[in-house]
N, C-alpha and C. Protein backbone atom coordinates (compact mmCIF):
# COMPACT_ATOMS: atom_id res chain seq x y z
N MET A 1 0.81 -1.19 0.02
CA MET A 1 0.02 0.10 0.29
C MET A 1 1.41 1.23 0.20
N PRO A 2 1.34 2.13 -1.11
CA PRO A 2 1.82 3.64 -0.97
C PRO A 2 1.23 4.25 0.46
N GLU A 3 2.27 5.08 0.96
CA GLU A 3 3.19 5.94 1.75
C GLU A 3 2.03 7.00 1.27
N ALA A 4 1.71 8.29 1.93
CA ALA A 4 0.98 9.54 1.81
C ALA A 4 2.03 10.19 1.27
N ASN A 5 3.89 9.86 1.07
CA ASN A 5 4.79 11.06 0.60
C ASN A 5 5.10 9.99 -0.15
N ASP A 6 5.15 9.42 -1.23
CA ASP A 6 5.61 8.59 -2.12
C ASP A 6 5.20 8.72 -2.82
N PRO A 7 6.66 8.94 -3.97
CA PRO A 7 6.01 9.64 -5.65
C PRO A 7 4.61 8.89 -6.15
N PRO A 8 3.54 9.20 -7.46
CA PRO A 8 3.59 8.81 -7.99
C PRO A 8 3.61 7.95 -8.24
N ALA A 9 3.04 6.49 -9.26
CA ALA A 9 3.56 5.58 -10.46
C ALA A 9 3.35 6.77 -11.97
N LEU A 10 4.48 6.06 -12.18
CA LEU A 10 4.43 6.92 -14.02
C LEU A 10 3.69 6.09 -14.87
N ALA A 11 3.38 6.99 -15.43
CA ALA A 11 2.32 6.03 -16.56
C ALA A 11 3.27 5.40 -17.43
N PRO A 12 2.98 4.68 -18.08
CA PRO A 12 3.72 4.23 -19.09
C PRO A 12 4.11 5.52 -20.34
N THR A 13 5.30 4.97 -21.25
CA THR A 13 5.47 5.90 -22.64
C THR A 13 4.95 5.13 -23.44
N ILE A 14 5.53 5.76 -24.46
CA ILE A 14 5.71 4.81 -26.10
C ILE A 14 6.58 6.11 -27.02
N PRO A 15 7.64 5.34 -27.35
CA PRO A 15 8.38 6.17 -28.26
C PRO A 15 7.16 7.42 -29.65
N ALA A 16 7.45 8.50 -30.04
CA ALA A 16 7.21 9.24 -30.69
C ALA A 16 7.85 9.83 -31.44
N VAL A 17 7.41 10.26 -32.53
CA VAL A 17 7.92 11.21 -33.93
C VAL A 17 7.07 12.05 -34.26
N LEU A 18 7.44 12.62 -34.98
CA LEU A 18 7.55 14.89 -34.57
C LEU A 18 7.39 15.10 -35.60
N GLU A 19 6.58 15.26 -36.42
CA GLU A 19 6.79 15.91 -38.03
C GLU A 19 5.93 16.54 -38.41
N GLY A 20 6.80 17.75 -39.36
CA GLY A 20 5.87 18.69 -39.56
C GLY A 20 6.68 19.99 -38.48
N GLY A 21 6.28 21.20 -38.96
CA GLY A 21 6.66 22.35 -37.99
C GLY A 21 7.69 23.22 -38.35
N PRO A 22 8.51 23.79 -37.59
CA PRO A 22 9.28 24.35 -38.07
C PRO A 22 11.41 23.68 -38.36
N ASN A 23 11.87 23.82 -39.57
CA ASN A 23 12.98 23.69 -40.04
C ASN A 23 14.38 22.99 -39.20
N ASP A 24 14.00 24.78 -38.08
CA ASP A 24 14.96 24.58 -37.12
C ASP A 24 14.29 24.04 -35.84
N LEU A 25 13.15 23.08 -35.96
CA LEU A 25 13.62 22.06 -34.44
C LEU A 25 14.39 21.10 -34.73
N PRO A 26 15.71 20.96 -33.69
CA PRO A 26 16.34 19.94 -33.84
C PRO A 26 16.05 18.81 -33.63
N ALA A 27 16.67 17.89 -34.46
CA ALA A 27 16.06 16.39 -34.67
C ALA A 27 16.34 15.80 -34.06
N THR A 28 16.22 16.26 -32.33
CA THR A 28 16.90 15.66 -30.70
C THR A 28 15.22 15.89 -30.24
N VAL A 29 15.34 16.71 -29.96
CA VAL A 29 13.84 16.73 -30.18
C VAL A 29 12.18 15.77 -31.29
N ARG A 30 12.37 15.10 -31.78
CA ARG A 30 11.97 15.26 -32.72
C ARG A 30 11.70 13.72 -32.67
N ARG A 31 12.10 13.14 -31.68
CA ARG A 31 12.21 11.81 -31.33
C ARG A 31 11.80 11.96 -29.62
N LEU A 32 11.33 11.30 -28.78
CA LEU A 32 11.03 11.85 -27.85
C LEU A 32 10.16 10.32 -26.86
N ARG A 33 9.32 10.06 -26.27
CA ARG A 33 9.38 8.96 -25.68
C ARG A 33 7.81 10.08 -25.11
N VAL A 34 6.29 9.81 -24.91
CA VAL A 34 5.09 10.63 -24.33
C VAL A 34 4.44 9.14 -23.79
N PRO A 35 3.80 10.20 -22.56
CA PRO A 35 2.51 9.10 -22.14
C PRO A 35 1.82 8.67 -23.22
N ALA A 36 1.14 7.37 -22.69
CA ALA A 36 0.88 6.71 -24.10
C ALA A 36 -0.27 6.71 -24.21
N ASP A 37 -0.84 7.47 -23.56
CA ASP A 37 -2.82 8.26 -23.92
C ASP A 37 -2.65 9.92 -24.73
N ASP A 38 -1.35 9.64 -24.73
CA ASP A 38 -1.16 11.77 -25.28
C ASP A 38 -1.54 12.02 -25.87
N GLN A 39 -2.59 12.59 -26.95
CA GLN A 39 -3.21 12.89 -27.84
C GLN A 39 -2.10 14.60 -28.75
N LYS A 40 -1.84 14.47 -27.84
CA LYS A 40 -1.02 16.31 -28.28
C LYS A 40 0.20 16.05 -27.80
N VAL A 41 0.85 16.59 -27.78
CA VAL A 41 1.94 17.18 -27.50
C VAL A 41 2.84 18.85 -27.50
N LYS A 42 3.81 19.64 -27.30
CA LYS A 42 3.78 21.08 -27.01
C LYS A 42 4.39 20.60 -26.45
N ILE A 43 6.33 21.39 -27.78
CA ILE A 43 7.18 22.07 -26.93
C ILE A 43 8.39 23.16 -26.99
N ALA A 44 8.46 23.85 -26.73
CA ALA A 44 9.01 25.29 -26.38
C ALA A 44 9.56 25.79 -28.00
N HIS A 45 9.76 25.96 -27.88
CA HIS A 45 10.92 26.75 -28.52
C HIS A 45 10.88 27.99 -29.92
N ARG A 46 12.05 28.97 -29.59
CA ARG A 46 12.15 29.92 -30.13
C ARG A 46 10.78 30.78 -29.59
N GLY A 47 10.69 30.97 -27.99
CA GLY A 47 9.94 32.26 -27.10
C GLY A 47 8.57 32.01 -27.24
N GLY A 48 8.13 30.60 -28.55
CA GLY A 48 6.76 30.30 -27.72
C GLY A 48 6.58 28.24 -27.24
N TYR A 49 6.07 27.96 -27.98
CA TYR A 49 5.76 26.89 -28.41
C TYR A 49 5.39 26.18 -29.93
N GLU A 50 5.54 24.51 -30.28
CA GLU A 50 5.05 24.13 -31.50
C GLU A 50 4.36 22.83 -30.91
N HIS A 51 2.81 23.58 -31.46
CA HIS A 51 1.59 22.54 -31.24
C HIS A 51 1.76 20.84 -31.84
N PHE A 52 1.45 19.77 -31.85
CA PHE A 52 1.90 18.73 -32.45
C PHE A 52 0.51 17.97 -31.81
N GLU A 53 -0.57 17.06 -33.44
CA GLU A 53 -1.25 15.82 -32.42
C GLU A 53 -0.47 14.53 -33.07
N ARG A 54 -1.79 13.54 -32.49
CA ARG A 54 -0.81 12.24 -32.44
C ARG A 54 -1.78 11.49 -33.82
N ALA A 55 -1.17 11.20 -34.72
CA ALA A 55 -1.60 11.05 -36.14
C ALA A 55 -1.51 9.25 -36.86
N ALA A 56 -0.89 8.73 -36.19
CA ALA A 56 -1.04 7.25 -36.22
C ALA A 56 0.71 6.45 -35.99
N PRO A 57 0.45 5.48 -35.98
CA PRO A 57 1.33 4.96 -35.71
C PRO A 57 2.26 4.60 -37.65
N ARG A 58 3.84 4.27 -37.05
CA ARG A 58 4.15 4.51 -37.73
C ARG A 58 4.44 3.32 -38.86
N PRO A 59 4.11 3.61 -40.05
CA PRO A 59 4.41 2.31 -41.26
C PRO A 59 6.15 1.24 -40.62
N SER A 60 6.10 -0.07 -41.91
CA SER A 60 6.45 -0.29 -41.25
C SER A 60 8.30 -0.63 -40.49
N GLY A 61 7.03 -0.75 -39.26
CA GLY A 61 7.09 -2.04 -38.21
C GLY A 61 7.90 -1.53 -37.12
N ASP A 62 7.87 0.78 -37.93
CA ASP A 62 8.80 0.62 -36.83
C ASP A 62 7.47 1.18 -35.41
N THR A 63 7.19 1.43 -34.33
CA THR A 63 6.51 1.82 -32.62
C THR A 63 6.21 2.68 -33.22
N ALA A 64 6.67 3.50 -33.04
CA ALA A 64 7.05 4.60 -32.60
C ALA A 64 5.39 5.66 -33.42
N VAL A 65 4.80 6.62 -32.14
CA VAL A 65 3.36 7.17 -32.82
C VAL A 65 3.69 8.66 -33.20
N VAL A 66 3.69 9.19 -34.93
CA VAL A 66 3.81 9.91 -35.10
C VAL A 66 2.94 10.93 -34.96
N PHE A 67 2.97 12.74 -34.55
CA PHE A 67 2.53 13.66 -33.90
C PHE A 67 2.83 14.82 -35.12
N HIS A 68 2.22 15.17 -35.72
CA HIS A 68 1.89 16.05 -36.65
C HIS A 68 1.65 17.06 -35.94
N TRP A 69 2.50 18.41 -36.77
CA TRP A 69 2.17 19.65 -36.47
C TRP A 69 1.05 20.42 -37.14
N THR A 70 0.58 21.16 -35.81
CA THR A 70 -0.74 21.89 -35.93
C THR A 70 -0.54 23.13 -35.84
N THR A 71 0.08 23.99 -34.85
CA THR A 71 -0.35 25.25 -35.46
C THR A 71 1.15 26.18 -33.67
N ARG A 72 0.96 27.01 -33.98
CA ARG A 72 2.69 27.88 -33.02
C ARG A 72 1.65 29.04 -32.15
N THR A 73 2.54 28.62 -31.18
CA THR A 73 1.52 29.84 -30.37
C THR A 73 3.13 30.67 -29.58
N LYS A 74 2.96 32.04 -28.48
CA LYS A 74 3.48 32.55 -28.27
C LYS A 74 2.99 32.32 -27.26
N VAL A 75 4.27 32.53 -26.19
CA VAL A 75 4.91 32.29 -24.79
C VAL A 75 4.04 33.26 -24.20
N ALA A 76 2.43 33.58 -23.38
CA ALA A 76 2.06 34.75 -22.31
C ALA A 76 3.36 35.36 -21.49
N GLU A 77 2.73 36.66 -21.96
CA GLU A 77 3.94 37.51 -21.24
C GLU A 77 2.55 38.41 -19.11
């Protein structure tokens, strides 16, 4: 039985690939792990956020889920 001060259980994660968006978004940011049930990913970039939405698993046996770029928002001041 968990104690009150125990850290929360971590949600299972899956590999993801971010496609689209700005050309200068580093390749190291485009492959990441996300919680298995996430439908959206938000990445801080150039003073704003790049938004990606879940699309489909990658073809040809790659287990990574694809997230396609949808929009950019600015950081609120």
